[in-house]
């Protein structure tokens, strides 16, 4: 799986949960909180993305991520290890 495919999945779920991103690019160097997302929104985005990618990531590995790029990199690493 290519990195861009993972980016597309994650940004799709960000768009579904964040206000005002319709048609605008999602800057993956930003944290989800910078898009105005709360903790429940972030849980939904991460969970929905993992379901779509058919992966599981322990919560402990998710806790220290600071932006969307780091989440994408982690998802890609897990997907490639399958």
Protein backbone atom coordinates (compact mmCIF):
# COMPACT_ATOMS: atom_id res chain seq x y z
CA UNK A 1 0.00 0.00 0.00
CA UNK A 2 1.25 3.46 -0.91
CA UNK A 3 1.53 6.29 1.61
CA UNK A 4 -0.86 8.45 -0.42
CA UNK A 5 -3.58 5.80 -0.09
CA UNK A 6 -3.28 5.96 3.70
CA UNK A 7 -3.28 9.78 3.58
CA UNK A 8 -6.46 9.68 1.48
CA UNK A 9 -8.24 7.41 3.98
CA UNK A 10 -7.26 9.51 7.01
CA UNK A 11 -8.05 12.86 5.37
CA UNK A 12 -11.42 11.51 4.19
CA UNK A 13 -12.37 10.79 7.79
CA UNK A 14 -11.01 14.15 8.95
CA UNK A 15 -13.22 15.89 6.38
CA UNK A 16 -16.25 13.93 7.59
CA UNK A 17 -15.71 15.15 11.16
CA UNK A 18 -14.23 18.65 10.82
CA UNK A 19 -16.08 21.83 9.95
CA UNK A 20 -15.09 24.01 6.99
CA UNK A 21 -12.73 21.67 5.15
CA UNK A 22 -14.98 21.05 2.15
CA UNK A 23 -12.87 21.40 -0.97
CA UNK A 24 -9.82 22.63 0.94
CA UNK A 25 -6.58 20.68 1.19
CA UNK A 26 -5.85 19.04 4.54
CA UNK A 27 -2.40 20.01 5.83
CA UNK A 28 -1.11 16.74 7.28
CA UNK A 29 1.65 18.52 9.20
CA UNK A 30 -1.05 19.87 11.55
CA UNK A 31 -2.51 18.13 14.56
CA UNK A 32 -6.17 17.16 14.47
CA UNK A 33 -6.89 19.67 17.23
CA UNK A 34 -5.72 22.42 14.85
CA UNK A 35 -8.68 21.45 12.63
CA UNK A 36 -10.99 22.12 15.57
CA UNK A 37 -11.50 18.46 16.38
CA UNK A 38 -12.19 17.29 19.92
CA UNK A 39 -11.04 14.08 21.53
CA UNK A 40 -14.20 12.16 20.56
CA UNK A 41 -13.83 13.30 16.94
CA UNK A 42 -10.22 12.15 16.94
CA UNK A 43 -11.18 8.74 18.34
CA UNK A 44 -13.81 8.40 15.60
CA UNK A 45 -11.34 9.39 12.85
CA UNK A 46 -8.66 7.00 14.09
CA UNK A 47 -11.13 4.13 14.59
CA UNK A 48 -12.83 4.60 11.21
CA UNK A 49 -9.46 4.85 9.45
CA UNK A 50 -8.21 1.66 11.10
CA UNK A 51 -11.42 -0.17 10.16
CA UNK A 52 -11.12 0.93 6.55
CA UNK A 53 -7.43 0.00 6.38
CA UNK A 54 -8.12 -3.28 8.22
CA UNK A 55 -5.41 -2.71 10.82
CA UNK A 56 -5.13 -2.59 14.61
CA UNK A 57 -2.85 -0.22 16.47
CA UNK A 58 -2.44 -0.35 20.25
CA UNK A 59 -3.63 2.81 22.00
CA UNK A 60 -0.22 3.19 23.60
CA UNK A 61 1.32 3.74 20.16
CA UNK A 62 -1.28 6.38 19.32
CA UNK A 63 -0.80 8.42 22.49
CA UNK A 64 2.41 10.21 21.51
CA UNK A 65 1.51 11.25 17.98
CA UNK A 66 1.57 15.00 17.39
CA UNK A 67 0.22 15.41 13.84
CA UNK A 68 -1.59 13.69 10.99
CA UNK A 69 1.68 12.78 9.20
CA UNK A 70 2.82 10.77 12.21
CA UNK A 71 -0.53 8.95 12.31
CA UNK A 72 -0.27 8.15 8.59
CA UNK A 73 3.30 6.89 9.01
CA UNK A 74 2.25 4.64 11.90
CA UNK A 75 -0.73 3.26 9.96
CA UNK A 76 1.49 2.63 6.91
CA UNK A 77 4.10 0.84 9.03
CA UNK A 78 1.45 -1.41 10.61
CA UNK A 79 -0.17 -2.10 7.23
CA UNK A 80 3.18 -3.06 5.66
CA UNK A 81 3.97 -5.39 8.57
CA UNK A 82 0.80 -7.41 7.94
